[in-house]
Amino acid sequence: MHIQEVGEVETWTDLTEVALPLVSFQANFLFHADGALLTSNSTLRFRDRAEVLASLTASGFVIDAVRDAPDRTGLEMVFVATAG
């Protein structure tokens, strides 16, 4: 991608570890102007439906609905909740 006043920047992501429910990855940013490589390491925790519902309820929310994400049916949940 081209960033104004910076130049070309190449980006990619490397999967570094899967130990469910944790998934770790490294985002890489290569700046072509000077060859600098910046990296950012992250770990995501994927909670199941029961864990999210328990967390929301414990925080005082009332669950109105749990829906499939419209663009990721069966892969991602949308929790609709209101403050209790």
N, C-alpha and C. Protein backbone atom coordinates (compact mmCIF):
# COMPACT_ATOMS: atom_id res chain seq x y z
N MET A 1 0.85 -1.17 0.00
CA MET A 1 0.00 0.00 0.00
C MET A 1 0.89 1.24 0.00
N HIS A 2 0.37 2.31 -0.52
CA HIS A 2 1.12 3.56 -0.56
C HIS A 2 0.53 4.52 0.47
N ILE A 3 1.39 5.04 1.33
CA ILE A 3 0.97 6.01 2.34
C ILE A 3 1.64 7.34 2.01
N GLN A 4 0.82 8.37 1.86
CA GLN A 4 1.34 9.69 1.51
C GLN A 4 2.37 10.13 2.54
N GLU A 5 3.46 10.68 2.08
CA GLU A 5 4.57 11.19 2.89
C GLU A 5 5.39 10.08 3.56
N VAL A 6 5.04 8.82 3.32
CA VAL A 6 5.81 7.70 3.87
C VAL A 6 6.33 6.82 2.75
N GLY A 7 5.50 6.60 1.73
CA GLY A 7 5.87 5.75 0.62
C GLY A 7 5.21 4.39 0.70
N GLU A 8 5.82 3.42 0.05
CA GLU A 8 5.26 2.07 0.01
C GLU A 8 5.49 1.36 1.35
N VAL A 9 4.41 0.72 1.82
CA VAL A 9 4.49 -0.08 3.04
C VAL A 9 3.86 -1.43 2.73
N GLU A 10 4.63 -2.46 2.96
CA GLU A 10 4.15 -3.82 2.74
C GLU A 10 3.69 -4.38 4.09
N THR A 11 2.54 -5.02 4.12
CA THR A 11 2.03 -5.58 5.37
C THR A 11 1.66 -7.04 5.19
N TRP A 12 1.85 -7.83 6.22
CA TRP A 12 1.41 -9.22 6.24
C TRP A 12 1.28 -9.67 7.69
N THR A 13 0.57 -10.76 7.86
CA THR A 13 0.33 -11.30 9.19
C THR A 13 0.77 -12.76 9.22
N ASP A 14 1.50 -13.11 10.27
CA ASP A 14 1.95 -14.49 10.46
C ASP A 14 1.25 -15.09 11.68
N LEU A 15 0.66 -16.25 11.51
CA LEU A 15 0.10 -17.00 12.61
C LEU A 15 1.27 -17.60 13.39
N THR A 16 1.34 -17.35 14.70
CA THR A 16 2.50 -17.82 15.46
C THR A 16 2.18 -18.98 16.40
N GLU A 17 0.92 -19.07 16.86
CA GLU A 17 0.57 -20.19 17.75
C GLU A 17 -0.94 -20.32 17.86
N VAL A 18 -1.38 -21.55 17.90
CA VAL A 18 -2.79 -21.85 18.17
C VAL A 18 -2.81 -22.81 19.35
N ALA A 19 -3.36 -22.36 20.46
CA ALA A 19 -3.54 -23.16 21.67
C ALA A 19 -4.91 -22.78 22.21
N LEU A 20 -5.94 -23.27 21.52
CA LEU A 20 -7.31 -22.86 21.81
C LEU A 20 -7.61 -22.87 23.30
N PRO A 21 -8.25 -21.81 23.79
CA PRO A 21 -8.97 -20.78 23.07
C PRO A 21 -8.10 -19.60 22.63
N LEU A 22 -6.77 -19.71 22.75
CA LEU A 22 -5.87 -18.60 22.39
C LEU A 22 -5.29 -18.79 20.99
N VAL A 23 -5.24 -17.69 20.24
CA VAL A 23 -4.61 -17.68 18.92
C VAL A 23 -3.68 -16.47 18.89
N SER A 24 -2.41 -16.72 18.59
CA SER A 24 -1.41 -15.64 18.56
C SER A 24 -0.93 -15.41 17.13
N PHE A 25 -0.62 -14.15 16.85
CA PHE A 25 -0.17 -13.78 15.51
C PHE A 25 0.73 -12.56 15.59
N GLN A 26 1.47 -12.34 14.52
CA GLN A 26 2.37 -11.19 14.41
C GLN A 26 2.02 -10.40 13.15
N ALA A 27 1.72 -9.12 13.33
CA ALA A 27 1.49 -8.22 12.21
C ALA A 27 2.83 -7.57 11.85
N ASN A 28 3.14 -7.52 10.57
CA ASN A 28 4.43 -6.99 10.09
C ASN A 28 4.20 -5.82 9.16
N PHE A 29 5.06 -4.81 9.27
CA PHE A 29 4.98 -3.60 8.45
C PHE A 29 6.38 -3.28 7.94
N LEU A 30 6.60 -3.44 6.65
CA LEU A 30 7.90 -3.18 6.04
C LEU A 30 7.83 -1.87 5.27
N PHE A 31 8.64 -0.90 5.70
CA PHE A 31 8.69 0.41 5.07
C PHE A 31 9.79 0.38 4.01
N HIS A 32 9.37 0.45 2.75
CA HIS A 32 10.31 0.31 1.64
C HIS A 32 11.31 1.46 1.57
N ALA A 33 10.94 2.65 2.03
CA ALA A 33 11.83 3.81 1.92
C ALA A 33 13.15 3.59 2.65
N ASP A 34 13.09 2.97 3.83
CA ASP A 34 14.34 2.78 4.59
C ASP A 34 14.57 1.34 5.03
N GLY A 35 13.66 0.42 4.66
CA GLY A 35 13.83 -0.99 5.01
C GLY A 35 13.45 -1.34 6.43
N ALA A 36 12.89 -0.37 7.17
CA ALA A 36 12.51 -0.64 8.56
C ALA A 36 11.36 -1.64 8.61
N LEU A 37 11.47 -2.58 9.52
CA LEU A 37 10.43 -3.57 9.74
C LEU A 37 9.90 -3.41 11.16
N LEU A 38 8.63 -3.09 11.27
CA LEU A 38 7.98 -2.99 12.57
C LEU A 38 7.05 -4.18 12.72
N THR A 39 7.02 -4.74 13.92
CA THR A 39 6.14 -5.88 14.17
C THR A 39 5.29 -5.61 15.40
N SER A 40 4.14 -6.26 15.42
CA SER A 40 3.22 -6.15 16.54
C SER A 40 2.67 -7.53 16.84
N ASN A 41 2.91 -8.02 18.04
CA ASN A 41 2.45 -9.35 18.44
C ASN A 41 1.15 -9.24 19.23
N SER A 42 0.21 -10.11 18.91
CA SER A 42 -1.09 -10.08 19.56
C SER A 42 -1.57 -11.50 19.84
N THR A 43 -2.40 -11.61 20.86
CA THR A 43 -3.07 -12.87 21.17
C THR A 43 -4.54 -12.58 21.39
N LEU A 44 -5.38 -13.35 20.70
CA LEU A 44 -6.82 -13.25 20.86
C LEU A 44 -7.32 -14.46 21.63
N ARG A 45 -8.31 -14.23 22.48
CA ARG A 45 -8.95 -15.33 23.21
C ARG A 45 -10.37 -15.46 22.68
N PHE A 46 -10.70 -16.63 22.18
CA PHE A 46 -12.02 -16.88 21.63
C PHE A 46 -12.88 -17.58 22.69
N ARG A 47 -13.86 -16.84 23.21
CA ARG A 47 -14.74 -17.38 24.23
C ARG A 47 -15.97 -18.00 23.57
N ASP A 48 -16.51 -19.02 24.21
CA ASP A 48 -17.72 -19.61 23.65
C ASP A 48 -18.95 -18.84 24.14
N ARG A 49 -20.09 -19.21 23.61
CA ARG A 49 -21.35 -18.51 23.89
C ARG A 49 -21.61 -18.45 25.39
N ALA A 50 -21.46 -19.56 26.09
CA ALA A 50 -21.75 -19.61 27.52
C ALA A 50 -20.84 -18.67 28.31
N GLU A 51 -19.57 -18.58 27.94
CA GLU A 51 -18.64 -17.69 28.63
C GLU A 51 -19.02 -16.22 28.45
N VAL A 52 -19.40 -15.86 27.23
CA VAL A 52 -19.78 -14.47 26.96
C VAL A 52 -21.08 -14.13 27.70
N LEU A 53 -22.05 -15.03 27.64
CA LEU A 53 -23.32 -14.78 28.35
C LEU A 53 -23.09 -14.63 29.85
N ALA A 54 -22.26 -15.48 30.45
CA ALA A 54 -21.97 -15.39 31.88
C ALA A 54 -21.29 -14.07 32.22
N SER A 55 -20.36 -13.63 31.38
CA SER A 55 -19.65 -12.38 31.60
C SER A 55 -20.59 -11.18 31.52
N LEU A 56 -21.45 -11.17 30.51
CA LEU A 56 -22.40 -10.07 30.37
C LEU A 56 -23.38 -10.02 31.54
N THR A 57 -23.90 -11.18 31.92
CA THR A 57 -24.85 -11.25 33.03
C THR A 57 -24.19 -10.81 34.33
N ALA A 58 -22.98 -11.27 34.58
CA ALA A 58 -22.25 -10.90 35.79
C ALA A 58 -21.95 -9.41 35.84
N SER A 59 -21.90 -8.77 34.68
CA SER A 59 -21.64 -7.33 34.60
C SER A 59 -22.93 -6.50 34.64
N GLY A 60 -24.06 -7.17 34.82
CA GLY A 60 -25.32 -6.46 34.97
C GLY A 60 -26.12 -6.24 33.71
N PHE A 61 -25.74 -6.90 32.63
CA PHE A 61 -26.48 -6.75 31.38
C PHE A 61 -27.61 -7.76 31.29
N VAL A 62 -28.66 -7.38 30.59
CA VAL A 62 -29.76 -8.28 30.27
C VAL A 62 -29.61 -8.66 28.81
N ILE A 63 -29.60 -9.94 28.54
CA ILE A 63 -29.41 -10.42 27.17
C ILE A 63 -30.73 -10.34 26.42
N ASP A 64 -30.75 -9.57 25.34
CA ASP A 64 -31.95 -9.43 24.52
C ASP A 64 -31.97 -10.45 23.39
N ALA A 65 -30.80 -10.76 22.84
CA ALA A 65 -30.73 -11.71 21.72
C ALA A 65 -29.27 -12.08 21.46
N VAL A 66 -29.10 -13.24 20.87
CA VAL A 66 -27.80 -13.65 20.35
C VAL A 66 -28.06 -14.05 18.91
N ARG A 67 -27.36 -13.39 18.00
CA ARG A 67 -27.60 -13.59 16.56
C ARG A 67 -26.31 -13.99 15.86
N ASP A 68 -26.47 -14.55 14.68
CA ASP A 68 -25.31 -14.78 13.82
C ASP A 68 -24.89 -13.44 13.23
N ALA A 69 -23.59 -13.25 13.06
CA ALA A 69 -23.12 -12.07 12.32
C ALA A 69 -23.60 -12.23 10.88
N PRO A 70 -24.15 -11.17 10.29
CA PRO A 70 -24.75 -11.30 8.95
C PRO A 70 -23.76 -11.75 7.88
N ASP A 71 -22.49 -11.44 8.05
CA ASP A 71 -21.51 -11.81 7.02
C ASP A 71 -20.69 -13.04 7.40
N ARG A 72 -20.96 -13.62 8.57
CA ARG A 72 -20.18 -14.78 9.04
C ARG A 72 -21.09 -15.78 9.74
N THR A 73 -22.19 -16.14 9.09
CA THR A 73 -23.17 -17.04 9.67
C THR A 73 -22.52 -18.33 10.17
N GLY A 74 -22.81 -18.64 11.43
CA GLY A 74 -22.26 -19.86 12.02
C GLY A 74 -20.84 -19.74 12.51
N LEU A 75 -20.19 -18.60 12.27
CA LEU A 75 -18.79 -18.42 12.66
C LEU A 75 -18.60 -17.34 13.72
N GLU A 76 -19.56 -16.43 13.82
CA GLU A 76 -19.41 -15.28 14.71
C GLU A 76 -20.76 -14.94 15.29
N MET A 77 -20.78 -14.59 16.59
CA MET A 77 -22.03 -14.25 17.27
C MET A 77 -22.08 -12.76 17.57
N VAL A 78 -23.29 -12.21 17.53
CA VAL A 78 -23.53 -10.83 17.92
C VAL A 78 -24.45 -10.88 19.14
N PHE A 79 -23.99 -10.32 20.25
CA PHE A 79 -24.75 -10.31 21.49
C PHE A 79 -25.44 -8.96 21.62
N VAL A 80 -26.75 -8.98 21.73
CA VAL A 80 -27.53 -7.75 21.90
C VAL A 80 -27.95 -7.73 23.38
N ALA A 81 -27.48 -6.72 24.11
CA ALA A 81 -27.75 -6.66 25.53
C ALA A 81 -27.98 -5.22 25.96
N THR A 82 -28.73 -5.07 27.04
CA THR A 82 -28.98 -3.75 27.60
C THR A 82 -28.57 -3.74 29.07
N ALA A 83 -28.22 -2.56 29.56
CA ALA A 83 -27.84 -2.43 30.95
C ALA A 83 -29.06 -2.72 31.83
N GLY A 84 -28.85 -3.57 32.83
CA GLY A 84 -29.96 -3.97 33.69
C GLY A 84 -30.23 -2.99 34.81
